[in-house]
Amino acid sequence: MKTTSPLHDLSPELALVDERAAVDARAALSDPSVTLDRILVEASASAREVRAARQRIFELSDVEPPQRRRTYRRPKLVGAFATWAVVAVLVAESRIHTLF
């Protein structure tokens, strides 16, 4: 014979209309603050473990960790300046043509 908890046999919507079912359902729930604290502690521990694992991988590997890629700011600035110069020349030329 199968035995189940009375809470599992009821529809969750029944707690909205039956006060006794609502009280029993709330009593069966865990404390939300304890659950949240446990999740935060586990997430913090997981983050520490990941950092430690990455550090061990870098220490044990023969290859150095990737260096930060050099940003090519100067070519971008030259390209932007050239674009603005071309636009300025075209605008000035179109104004000259509209004057004559």
C-alpha atoms as a PDB file:
ATOM      1  CA  MET A   1       0.000   0.000   0.000  1.00  0.00           C
ATOM      2  CA  LYS A   2       1.326   3.392  -1.004  1.00  0.00           C
ATOM      3  CA  THR A   3       1.515   6.049   1.690  1.00  0.00           C
ATOM      4  CA  THR A   4       1.820   9.687   0.829  1.00  0.00           C
ATOM      5  CA  SER A   5       1.714  12.907   2.728  1.00  0.00           C
ATOM      6  CA  PRO A   6      -1.668  14.638   2.715  1.00  0.00           C
ATOM      7  CA  LEU A   7      -0.002  17.788   1.376  1.00  0.00           C
ATOM      8  CA  HIS A   8       1.174  16.034  -1.770  1.00  0.00           C
ATOM      9  CA  ASP A   9      -2.329  14.761  -2.558  1.00  0.00           C
ATOM     10  CA  LEU A  10      -3.822  18.246  -2.679  1.00  0.00           C
ATOM     11  CA  SER A  11      -3.763  20.803  -5.421  1.00  0.00           C
ATOM     12  CA  PRO A  12      -1.659  23.906  -4.611  1.00  0.00           C
ATOM     13  CA  GLU A  13      -4.639  26.088  -5.489  1.00  0.00           C
ATOM     14  CA  LEU A  14      -6.595  24.537  -2.609  1.00  0.00           C
ATOM     15  CA  ALA A  15      -4.381  26.470  -0.170  1.00  0.00           C
ATOM     16  CA  LEU A  16      -5.962  29.648  -1.533  1.00  0.00           C
ATOM     17  CA  VAL A  17      -9.443  28.670  -0.367  1.00  0.00           C
ATOM     18  CA  ASP A  18      -8.847  26.227   2.505  1.00  0.00           C
ATOM     19  CA  GLU A  19      -7.214  27.836   5.539  1.00  0.00           C
ATOM     20  CA  ARG A  20      -6.193  24.505   7.090  1.00  0.00           C
ATOM     21  CA  ALA A  21      -4.431  23.414   3.871  1.00  0.00           C
ATOM     22  CA  ALA A  22      -2.653  26.786   3.734  1.00  0.00           C
ATOM     23  CA  VAL A  23      -1.416  26.466   7.328  1.00  0.00           C
ATOM     24  CA  ASP A  24      -0.181  22.907   6.725  1.00  0.00           C
ATOM     25  CA  ALA A  25       1.561  23.942   3.498  1.00  0.00           C
ATOM     26  CA  ARG A  26       3.318  26.876   5.182  1.00  0.00           C
ATOM     27  CA  ALA A  27       4.439  24.646   8.046  1.00  0.00           C
ATOM     28  CA  ALA A  28       5.998  22.200   5.577  1.00  0.00           C
ATOM     29  CA  LEU A  29       8.086  24.927   3.921  1.00  0.00           C
ATOM     30  CA  SER A  30      11.602  25.671   5.069  1.00  0.00           C
ATOM     31  CA  ASP A  31      12.527  29.083   6.430  1.00  0.00           C
ATOM     32  CA  PRO A  32      13.286  31.349   3.413  1.00  0.00           C
ATOM     33  CA  SER A  33      16.085  33.217   5.195  1.00  0.00           C
ATOM     34  CA  VAL A  34      17.876  29.964   6.021  1.00  0.00           C
ATOM     35  CA  THR A  35      17.473  28.790   2.429  1.00  0.00           C
ATOM     36  CA  LEU A  36      18.778  32.087   1.030  1.00  0.00           C
ATOM     37  CA  ASP A  37      21.741  32.106   3.433  1.00  0.00           C
ATOM     38  CA  ARG A  38      22.601  28.543   2.432  1.00  0.00           C
ATOM     39  CA  ILE A  39      22.437  29.423  -1.277  1.00  0.00           C
ATOM     40  CA  LEU A  40      24.677  32.461  -0.764  1.00  0.00           C
ATOM     41  CA  VAL A  41      27.216  30.430   1.220  1.00  0.00           C
ATOM     42  CA  GLU A  42      27.258  27.698  -1.426  1.00  0.00           C
ATOM     43  CA  ALA A  43      27.666  30.264  -4.244  1.00  0.00           C
ATOM     44  CA  SER A  44      30.507  31.968  -2.386  1.00  0.00           C
ATOM     45  CA  ALA A  45      32.219  28.622  -1.781  1.00  0.00           C
ATOM     46  CA  SER A  46      31.790  27.682  -5.449  1.00  0.00           C
ATOM     47  CA  ALA A  47      33.325  30.974  -6.571  1.00  0.00           C
ATOM     48  CA  ARG A  48      36.312  30.432  -4.266  1.00  0.00           C
ATOM     49  CA  GLU A  49      36.748  26.889  -5.577  1.00  0.00           C
ATOM     50  CA  VAL A  50      36.680  28.100  -9.191  1.00  0.00           C
ATOM     51  CA  ARG A  51      39.282  30.804  -8.479  1.00  0.00           C
ATOM     52  CA  ALA A  52      41.508  28.304  -6.689  1.00  0.00           C
ATOM     53  CA  ALA A  53      41.158  25.778  -9.520  1.00  0.00           C
ATOM     54  CA  ARG A  54      42.051  28.383 -12.154  1.00  0.00           C
ATOM     55  CA  GLN A  55      45.087  29.414 -10.110  1.00  0.00           C
ATOM     56  CA  ARG A  56      46.239  25.788  -9.821  1.00  0.00           C
ATOM     57  CA  ILE A  57      45.780  25.278 -13.564  1.00  0.00           C
ATOM     58  CA  PHE A  58      47.903  28.346 -14.312  1.00  0.00           C
ATOM     59  CA  GLU A  59      50.570  27.238 -11.831  1.00  0.00           C
ATOM     60  CA  LEU A  60      50.766  23.707 -13.230  1.00  0.00           C
ATOM     61  CA  SER A  61      50.658  24.630 -16.903  1.00  0.00           C
ATOM     62  CA  ASP A  62      53.737  25.302 -18.999  1.00  0.00           C
ATOM     63  CA  VAL A  63      51.961  28.080 -20.834  1.00  0.00           C
ATOM     64  CA  GLU A  64      51.596  31.515 -19.337  1.00  0.00           C
ATOM     65  CA  PRO A  65      48.090  32.900 -18.946  1.00  0.00           C
ATOM     66  CA  PRO A  66      47.003  34.974 -21.926  1.00  0.00           C
ATOM     67  CA  GLN A  67      48.192  38.529 -21.782  1.00  0.00           C
ATOM     68  CA  ARG A  68      45.808  41.383 -22.269  1.00  0.00           C
ATOM     69  CA  ARG A  69      45.438  42.157 -25.930  1.00  0.00           C
ATOM     70  CA  ARG A  70      46.815  45.444 -27.091  1.00  0.00           C
ATOM     71  CA  THR A  71      44.159  47.917 -28.045  1.00  0.00           C
ATOM     72  CA  TYR A  72      44.650  49.655 -31.330  1.00  0.00           C
ATOM     73  CA  ARG A  73      43.500  53.108 -30.346  1.00  0.00           C
ATOM     74  CA  ARG A  74      45.693  55.080 -32.736  1.00  0.00           C
ATOM     75  CA  PRO A  75      44.480  53.441 -35.981  1.00  0.00           C
ATOM     76  CA  LYS A  76      40.895  53.907 -34.815  1.00  0.00           C
ATOM     77  CA  LEU A  77      41.495  57.582 -34.122  1.00  0.00           C
ATOM     78  CA  VAL A  78      43.199  58.073 -37.495  1.00  0.00           C
ATOM     79  CA  GLY A  79      40.285  56.370 -39.249  1.00  0.00           C
ATOM     80  CA  ALA A  80      37.730  58.484 -37.379  1.00  0.00           C
ATOM     81  CA  PHE A  81      39.659  61.675 -38.128  1.00  0.00           C
ATOM     82  CA  ALA A  82      39.919  60.774 -41.822  1.00  0.00           C
ATOM     83  CA  THR A  83      36.185  60.118 -41.979  1.00  0.00           C
ATOM     84  CA  TRP A  84      35.377  63.465 -40.372  1.00  0.00           C
ATOM     85  CA  ALA A  85      37.791  65.218 -42.721  1.00  0.00           C
ATOM     86  CA  VAL A  86      36.094  63.690 -45.794  1.00  0.00           C
ATOM     87  CA  VAL A  87      32.652  64.637 -44.475  1.00  0.00           C
ATOM     88  CA  ALA A  88      33.813  68.206 -43.770  1.00  0.00           C
ATOM     89  CA  VAL A  89      35.241  68.547 -47.299  1.00  0.00           C
ATOM     90  CA  LEU A  90      32.017  67.224 -48.848  1.00  0.00           C
ATOM     91  CA  VAL A  91      29.869  69.581 -46.792  1.00  0.00           C
ATOM     92  CA  ALA A  92      32.076  72.548 -47.629  1.00  0.00           C
ATOM     93  CA  GLU A  93      32.024  71.660 -51.333  1.00  0.00           C
ATOM     94  CA  SER A  94      28.246  71.301 -51.377  1.00  0.00           C
ATOM     95  CA  ARG A  95      27.869  74.720 -49.749  1.00  0.00           C
ATOM     96  CA  ILE A  96      30.180  76.282 -52.319  1.00  0.00           C
ATOM     97  CA  HIS A  97      28.099  74.809 -55.153  1.00  0.00           C
ATOM     98  CA  THR A  98      24.881  76.150 -53.631  1.00  0.00           C
ATOM     99  CA  LEU A  99      26.350  79.674 -53.432  1.00  0.00           C
ATOM    100  CA  PHE A 100      27.113  79.886 -57.152  1.00  0.00           C
END
